Amino acid sequence: MNNKRILAKTVLYRGIVTAILFAVSWIFTGNITDTTVITVTFNVLATIAYFLHEKMWDKIRWGIKPELGQPRIS
């Protein structure tokens, strides 16, 4: 898949999720300041969690086919 397409899908997805979180937070709090703090905090923590999740999966070889000429790791 093209990197520009992946980036566009990622940005769009994060925008949709952020808008949903903002709307739900505002419904529950009724306060724009609290809503903003919740939305920003969640997005920062979710980005860090995603990064750590990806780093962990980089260490797991399950489901990766060895390249031609590479020894098979069990």
PDB file of N, CA and C in Angstrom:
ATOM      1  N   MET A   1       0.852  -1.188   0.000  1.00  0.00           N
ATOM      2  CA  MET A   1       0.000   0.000   0.000  1.00  0.00           C
ATOM      3  C   MET A   1       0.890   1.240   0.000  1.00  0.00           C
ATOM      4  N   ASN A   2       0.471   2.242  -0.671  1.00  0.00           N
ATOM      5  CA  ASN A   2       1.167   3.506  -0.812  1.00  0.00           C
ATOM      6  C   ASN A   2       1.241   4.241   0.537  1.00  0.00           C
ATOM      7  N   ASN A   3       2.424   4.797   0.893  1.00  0.00           N
ATOM      8  CA  ASN A   3       2.604   5.490   2.170  1.00  0.00           C
ATOM      9  C   ASN A   3       1.693   6.710   2.309  1.00  0.00           C
ATOM     10  N   LYS A   4       1.461   7.437   1.226  1.00  0.00           N
ATOM     11  CA  LYS A   4       0.567   8.608   1.291  1.00  0.00           C
ATOM     12  C   LYS A   4      -0.857   8.166   1.621  1.00  0.00           C
ATOM     13  N   ARG A   5      -1.272   7.048   1.043  1.00  0.00           N
ATOM     14  CA  ARG A   5      -2.613   6.516   1.322  1.00  0.00           C
ATOM     15  C   ARG A   5      -2.715   6.096   2.785  1.00  0.00           C
ATOM     16  N   ILE A   6      -1.684   5.406   3.276  1.00  0.00           N
ATOM     17  CA  ILE A   6      -1.685   4.970   4.678  1.00  0.00           C
ATOM     18  C   ILE A   6      -1.735   6.183   5.602  1.00  0.00           C
ATOM     19  N   LEU A   7      -0.939   7.203   5.310  1.00  0.00           N
ATOM     20  CA  LEU A   7      -0.931   8.412   6.127  1.00  0.00           C
ATOM     21  C   LEU A   7      -2.294   9.097   6.097  1.00  0.00           C
ATOM     22  N   ALA A   8      -2.897   9.195   4.914  1.00  0.00           N
ATOM     23  CA  ALA A   8      -4.217   9.829   4.791  1.00  0.00           C
ATOM     24  C   ALA A   8      -5.263   9.060   5.596  1.00  0.00           C
ATOM     25  N   LYS A   9      -5.243   7.726   5.506  1.00  0.00           N
ATOM     26  CA  LYS A   9      -6.195   6.914   6.262  1.00  0.00           C
ATOM     27  C   LYS A   9      -5.967   7.070   7.767  1.00  0.00           C
ATOM     28  N   THR A  10      -4.714   7.137   8.177  1.00  0.00           N
ATOM     29  CA  THR A  10      -4.381   7.289   9.591  1.00  0.00           C
ATOM     30  C   THR A  10      -4.887   8.621  10.130  1.00  0.00           C
ATOM     31  N   VAL A  11      -4.610   9.686   9.404  1.00  0.00           N
ATOM     32  CA  VAL A  11      -5.038  11.022   9.841  1.00  0.00           C
ATOM     33  C   VAL A  11      -6.563  11.105   9.891  1.00  0.00           C
ATOM     34  N   LEU A  12      -7.229  10.571   8.880  1.00  0.00           N
ATOM     35  CA  LEU A  12      -8.689  10.586   8.856  1.00  0.00           C
ATOM     36  C   LEU A  12      -9.259   9.793  10.034  1.00  0.00           C
ATOM     37  N   TYR A  13      -8.710   8.609  10.273  1.00  0.00           N
ATOM     38  CA  TYR A  13      -9.177   7.777  11.381  1.00  0.00           C
ATOM     39  C   TYR A  13      -8.991   8.494  12.721  1.00  0.00           C
ATOM     40  N   ARG A  14      -7.806   9.071  12.952  1.00  0.00           N
ATOM     41  CA  ARG A  14      -7.555   9.779  14.210  1.00  0.00           C
ATOM     42  C   ARG A  14      -8.505  10.974  14.343  1.00  0.00           C
ATOM     43  N   GLY A  15      -8.800  11.643  13.249  1.00  0.00           N
ATOM     44  CA  GLY A  15      -9.730  12.769  13.289  1.00  0.00           C
ATOM     45  C   GLY A  15     -11.132  12.331  13.681  1.00  0.00           C
ATOM     46  N   ILE A  16     -11.588  11.218  13.121  1.00  0.00           N
ATOM     47  CA  ILE A  16     -12.920  10.697  13.451  1.00  0.00           C
ATOM     48  C   ILE A  16     -12.989  10.284  14.919  1.00  0.00           C
ATOM     49  N   VAL A  17     -11.973   9.545  15.378  1.00  0.00           N
ATOM     50  CA  VAL A  17     -11.949   9.091  16.771  1.00  0.00           C
ATOM     51  C   VAL A  17     -11.893  10.288  17.724  1.00  0.00           C
ATOM     52  N   THR A  18     -11.104  11.292  17.374  1.00  0.00           N
ATOM     53  CA  THR A  18     -10.999  12.490  18.212  1.00  0.00           C
ATOM     54  C   THR A  18     -12.340  13.218  18.279  1.00  0.00           C
ATOM     55  N   ALA A  19     -13.018  13.345  17.159  1.00  0.00           N
ATOM     56  CA  ALA A  19     -14.328  14.011  17.135  1.00  0.00           C
ATOM     57  C   ALA A  19     -15.354  13.257  17.973  1.00  0.00           C
ATOM     58  N   ILE A  20     -15.346  11.924  17.884  1.00  0.00           N
ATOM     59  CA  ILE A  20     -16.274  11.116  18.688  1.00  0.00           C
ATOM     60  C   ILE A  20     -15.983  11.295  20.172  1.00  0.00           C
ATOM     61  N   LEU A  21     -14.703  11.204  20.546  1.00  0.00           N
ATOM     62  CA  LEU A  21     -14.335  11.372  21.956  1.00  0.00           C
ATOM     63  C   LEU A  21     -14.723  12.760  22.449  1.00  0.00           C
ATOM     64  N   PHE A  22     -14.469  13.791  21.637  1.00  0.00           N
ATOM     65  CA  PHE A  22     -14.821  15.151  22.018  1.00  0.00           C
ATOM     66  C   PHE A  22     -16.330  15.272  22.257  1.00  0.00           C
ATOM     67  N   ALA A  23     -17.123  14.743  21.336  1.00  0.00           N
ATOM     68  CA  ALA A  23     -18.589  14.827  21.449  1.00  0.00           C
ATOM     69  C   ALA A  23     -19.097  14.093  22.683  1.00  0.00           C
ATOM     70  N   VAL A  24     -18.613  12.880  22.895  1.00  0.00           N
ATOM     71  CA  VAL A  24     -19.071  12.091  24.046  1.00  0.00           C
ATOM     72  C   VAL A  24     -18.645  12.770  25.353  1.00  0.00           C
ATOM     73  N   SER A  25     -17.419  13.253  25.408  1.00  0.00           N
ATOM     74  CA  SER A  25     -16.936  13.943  26.615  1.00  0.00           C
ATOM     75  C   SER A  25     -17.772  15.181  26.903  1.00  0.00           C
ATOM     76  N   TRP A  26     -18.102  15.929  25.863  1.00  0.00           N
ATOM     77  CA  TRP A  26     -18.886  17.149  26.047  1.00  0.00           C
ATOM     78  C   TRP A  26     -20.297  16.819  26.536  1.00  0.00           C
ATOM     79  N   ILE A  27     -20.880  15.741  26.002  1.00  0.00           N
ATOM     80  CA  ILE A  27     -22.214  15.316  26.451  1.00  0.00           C
ATOM     81  C   ILE A  27     -22.187  14.980  27.940  1.00  0.00           C
ATOM     82  N   PHE A  28     -21.132  14.266  28.365  1.00  0.00           N
ATOM     83  CA  PHE A  28     -21.057  13.843  29.762  1.00  0.00           C
ATOM     84  C   PHE A  28     -20.639  14.958  30.719  1.00  0.00           C
ATOM     85  N   THR A  29     -19.732  15.848  30.272  1.00  0.00           N
ATOM     86  CA  THR A  29     -19.236  16.882  31.189  1.00  0.00           C
ATOM     87  C   THR A  29     -19.992  18.195  31.053  1.00  0.00           C
ATOM     88  N   GLY A  30     -20.409  18.535  29.835  1.00  0.00           N
ATOM     89  CA  GLY A  30     -21.061  19.819  29.603  1.00  0.00           C
ATOM     90  C   GLY A  30     -20.109  20.988  29.750  1.00  0.00           C
ATOM     91  N   ASN A  31     -18.806  20.693  29.799  1.00  0.00           N
ATOM     92  CA  ASN A  31     -17.807  21.725  30.043  1.00  0.00           C
ATOM     93  C   ASN A  31     -16.734  21.630  28.959  1.00  0.00           C
ATOM     94  N   ILE A  32     -16.535  22.717  28.215  1.00  0.00           N
ATOM     95  CA  ILE A  32     -15.598  22.703  27.096  1.00  0.00           C
ATOM     96  C   ILE A  32     -14.158  22.528  27.559  1.00  0.00           C
ATOM     97  N   THR A  33     -13.799  23.080  28.705  1.00  0.00           N
ATOM     98  CA  THR A  33     -12.429  22.939  29.220  1.00  0.00           C
ATOM     99  C   THR A  33     -12.146  21.495  29.592  1.00  0.00           C
ATOM    100  N   ASP A  34     -13.054  20.879  30.358  1.00  0.00           N
ATOM    101  CA  ASP A  34     -12.874  19.476  30.735  1.00  0.00           C
ATOM    102  C   ASP A  34     -12.849  18.584  29.495  1.00  0.00           C
ATOM    103  N   THR A  35     -13.717  18.877  28.551  1.00  0.00           N
ATOM    104  CA  THR A  35     -13.780  18.102  27.319  1.00  0.00           C
ATOM    105  C   THR A  35     -12.460  18.173  26.561  1.00  0.00           C
ATOM    106  N   THR A  36     -11.892  19.361  26.470  1.00  0.00           N
ATOM    107  CA  THR A  36     -10.621  19.542  25.772  1.00  0.00           C
ATOM    108  C   THR A  36      -9.491  18.801  26.483  1.00  0.00           C
ATOM    109  N   VAL A  37      -9.446  18.899  27.806  1.00  0.00           N
ATOM    110  CA  VAL A  37      -8.405  18.204  28.579  1.00  0.00           C
ATOM    111  C   VAL A  37      -8.518  16.692  28.387  1.00  0.00           C
ATOM    112  N   ILE A  38      -9.727  16.177  28.461  1.00  0.00           N
ATOM    113  CA  ILE A  38      -9.948  14.736  28.272  1.00  0.00           C
ATOM    114  C   ILE A  38      -9.501  14.316  26.871  1.00  0.00           C
ATOM    115  N   THR A  39      -9.914  15.054  25.853  1.00  0.00           N
ATOM    116  CA  THR A  39      -9.606  14.705  24.467  1.00  0.00           C
ATOM    117  C   THR A  39      -8.103  14.749  24.195  1.00  0.00           C
ATOM    118  N   VAL A  40      -7.448  15.813  24.614  1.00  0.00           N
ATOM    119  CA  VAL A  40      -6.007  15.946  24.376  1.00  0.00           C
ATOM    120  C   VAL A  40      -5.235  14.877  25.156  1.00  0.00           C
ATOM    121  N   THR A  41      -5.590  14.692  26.433  1.00  0.00           N
ATOM    122  CA  THR A  41      -4.903  13.695  27.259  1.00  0.00           C
ATOM    123  C   THR A  41      -5.046  12.304  26.664  1.00  0.00           C
ATOM    124  N   PHE A  42      -6.263  11.946  26.286  1.00  0.00           N
ATOM    125  CA  PHE A  42      -6.480  10.626  25.702  1.00  0.00           C
ATOM    126  C   PHE A  42      -5.657  10.442  24.438  1.00  0.00           C
ATOM    127  N   ASN A  43      -5.653  11.429  23.552  1.00  0.00           N
ATOM    128  CA  ASN A  43      -4.936  11.287  22.287  1.00  0.00           C
ATOM    129  C   ASN A  43      -3.428  11.188  22.484  1.00  0.00           C
ATOM    130  N   VAL A  44      -2.880  11.911  23.440  1.00  0.00           N
ATOM    131  CA  VAL A  44      -1.445  11.789  23.740  1.00  0.00           C
ATOM    132  C   VAL A  44      -1.149  10.391  24.275  1.00  0.00           C
ATOM    133  N   LEU A  45      -1.949   9.925  25.243  1.00  0.00           N
ATOM    134  CA  LEU A  45      -1.723   8.594  25.820  1.00  0.00           C
ATOM    135  C   LEU A  45      -1.959   7.489  24.799  1.00  0.00           C
ATOM    136  N   ALA A  46      -2.963   7.630  23.943  1.00  0.00           N
ATOM    137  CA  ALA A  46      -3.236   6.624  22.920  1.00  0.00           C
ATOM    138  C   ALA A  46      -2.092   6.551  21.908  1.00  0.00           C
ATOM    139  N   THR A  47      -1.505   7.683  21.571  1.00  0.00           N
ATOM    140  CA  THR A  47      -0.373   7.706  20.639  1.00  0.00           C
ATOM    141  C   THR A  47       0.839   7.004  21.253  1.00  0.00           C
ATOM    142  N   ILE A  48       1.115   7.261  22.520  1.00  0.00           N
ATOM    143  CA  ILE A  48       2.221   6.600  23.216  1.00  0.00           C
ATOM    144  C   ILE A  48       1.962   5.097  23.310  1.00  0.00           C
ATOM    145  N   ALA A  49       0.736   4.717  23.659  1.00  0.00           N
ATOM    146  CA  ALA A  49       0.389   3.298  23.768  1.00  0.00           C
ATOM    147  C   ALA A  49       0.545   2.605  22.419  1.00  0.00           C
ATOM    148  N   TYR A  50       0.119   3.258  21.343  1.00  0.00           N
ATOM    149  CA  TYR A  50       0.242   2.670  20.009  1.00  0.00           C
ATOM    150  C   TYR A  50       1.709   2.474  19.645  1.00  0.00           C
ATOM    151  N   PHE A  51       2.531   3.463  19.933  1.00  0.00           N
ATOM    152  CA  PHE A  51       3.962   3.368  19.642  1.00  0.00           C
ATOM    153  C   PHE A  51       4.588   2.195  20.393  1.00  0.00           C
ATOM    154  N   LEU A  52       4.294   2.079  21.692  1.00  0.00           N
ATOM    155  CA  LEU A  52       4.835   0.974  22.494  1.00  0.00           C
ATOM    156  C   LEU A  52       4.313  -0.373  22.007  1.00  0.00           C
ATOM    157  N   HIS A  53       3.051  -0.410  21.621  1.00  0.00           N
ATOM    158  CA  HIS A  53       2.442  -1.621  21.074  1.00  0.00           C
ATOM    159  C   HIS A  53       3.181  -2.060  19.809  1.00  0.00           C
ATOM    160  N   GLU A  54       3.466  -1.115  18.925  1.00  0.00           N
ATOM    161  CA  GLU A  54       4.191  -1.425  17.695  1.00  0.00           C
ATOM    162  C   GLU A  54       5.616  -1.894  17.986  1.00  0.00           C
ATOM    163  N   LYS A  55       6.286  -1.263  18.948  1.00  0.00           N
ATOM    164  CA  LYS A  55       7.639  -1.680  19.319  1.00  0.00           C
ATOM    165  C   LYS A  55       7.628  -3.115  19.838  1.00  0.00           C
ATOM    166  N   MET A  56       6.619  -3.463  20.640  1.00  0.00           N
ATOM    167  CA  MET A  56       6.502  -4.822  21.163  1.00  0.00           C
ATOM    168  C   MET A  56       6.314  -5.811  20.016  1.00  0.00           C
ATOM    169  N   TRP A  57       5.420  -5.494  19.083  1.00  0.00           N
ATOM    170  CA  TRP A  57       5.149  -6.397  17.969  1.00  0.00           C
ATOM    171  C   TRP A  57       6.349  -6.532  17.042  1.00  0.00           C
ATOM    172  N   ASP A  58       7.234  -5.538  16.997  1.00  0.00           N
ATOM    173  CA  ASP A  58       8.452  -5.660  16.199  1.00  0.00           C
ATOM    174  C   ASP A  58       9.344  -6.783  16.714  1.00  0.00           C
ATOM    175  N   LYS A  59       9.228  -7.111  17.990  1.00  0.00           N
ATOM    176  CA  LYS A  59      10.056  -8.152  18.601  1.00  0.00           C
ATOM    177  C   LYS A  59       9.439  -9.542  18.458  1.00  0.00           C
ATOM    178  N   ILE A  60       8.183  -9.625  18.056  1.00  0.00           N
ATOM    179  CA  ILE A  60       7.486 -10.904  17.927  1.00  0.00           C
ATOM    180  C   ILE A  60       7.548 -11.350  16.473  1.00  0.00           C
ATOM    181  N   ARG A  61       8.060 -12.525  16.226  1.00  0.00           N
ATOM    182  CA  ARG A  61       8.244 -13.027  14.863  1.00  0.00           C
ATOM    183  C   ARG A  61       7.027 -13.794  14.354  1.00  0.00           C
ATOM    184  N   TRP A  62       6.049 -14.059  15.177  1.00  0.00           N
ATOM    185  CA  TRP A  62       4.872 -14.831  14.800  1.00  0.00           C
ATOM    186  C   TRP A  62       4.175 -14.196  13.595  1.00  0.00           C
ATOM    187  N   GLY A  63       3.861 -15.023  12.605  1.00  0.00           N
ATOM    188  CA  GLY A  63       3.114 -14.555  11.444  1.00  0.00           C
ATOM    189  C   GLY A  63       3.949 -13.904  10.361  1.00  0.00           C
ATOM    190  N   ILE A  64       5.265 -13.840  10.550  1.00  0.00           N
ATOM    191  CA  ILE A  64       6.131 -13.229   9.546  1.00  0.00           C
ATOM    192  C   ILE A  64       6.809 -14.343   8.761  1.00  0.00           C
ATOM    193  N   LYS A  65       6.666 -14.307   7.457  1.00  0.00           N
ATOM    194  CA  LYS A  65       7.303 -15.299   6.599  1.00  0.00           C
ATOM    195  C   LYS A  65       8.763 -14.913   6.405  1.00  0.00           C
ATOM    196  N   PRO A  66       9.665 -15.885   6.527  1.00  0.00           N
ATOM    197  CA  PRO A  66      11.078 -15.553   6.299  1.00  0.00           C
ATOM    198  C   PRO A  66      11.299 -15.178   4.831  1.00  0.00           C
ATOM    199  N   GLU A  67      12.230 -14.256   4.615  1.00  0.00           N
ATOM    200  CA  GLU A  67      12.566 -13.862   3.249  1.00  0.00           C
ATOM    201  C   GLU A  67      13.356 -14.995   2.606  1.00  0.00           C
ATOM    202  N   LEU A  68      13.388 -15.000   1.298  1.00  0.00           N
ATOM    203  CA  LEU A  68      14.137 -16.022   0.575  1.00  0.00           C
ATOM    204  C   LEU A  68      15.591 -16.009   1.014  1.00  0.00           C
ATOM    205  N   GLY A  69      16.111 -17.208   1.293  1.00  0.00           N
ATOM    206  CA  GLY A  69      17.505 -17.330   1.692  1.00  0.00           C
ATOM    207  C   GLY A  69      17.736 -17.138   3.178  1.00  0.00           C
ATOM    208  N   GLN A  70      16.709 -16.767   3.917  1.00  0.00           N
ATOM    209  CA  GLN A  70      16.852 -16.575   5.357  1.00  0.00           C
ATOM    210  C   GLN A  70      16.496 -17.874   6.080  1.00  0.00           C
ATOM    211  N   PRO A  71      17.234 -18.213   7.147  1.00  0.00           N
ATOM    212  CA  PRO A  71      16.883 -19.406   7.899  1.00  0.00           C
ATOM    213  C   PRO A  71      15.556 -19.221   8.603  1.00  0.00           C
ATOM    214  N   ARG A  72      14.829 -20.292   8.785  1.00  0.00           N
ATOM    215  CA  ARG A  72      13.533 -20.267   9.447  1.00  0.00           C
ATOM    216  C   ARG A  72      13.725 -20.218  10.963  1.00  0.00           C
ATOM    217  N   ILE A  73      13.038 -19.318  11.640  1.00  0.00           N
ATOM    218  CA  ILE A  73      13.098 -19.212  13.101  1.00  0.00           C
ATOM    219  C   ILE A  73      11.808 -19.790  13.661  1.00  0.00           C
ATOM    220  N   SER A  74      11.945 -20.723  14.602  1.00  0.00           N
ATOM    221  CA  SER A  74      10.752 -21.341  15.192  1.00  0.00           C
ATOM    222  C   SER A  74      10.318 -20.597  16.415  1.00  0.00           C
TER     223      SER A  74
END
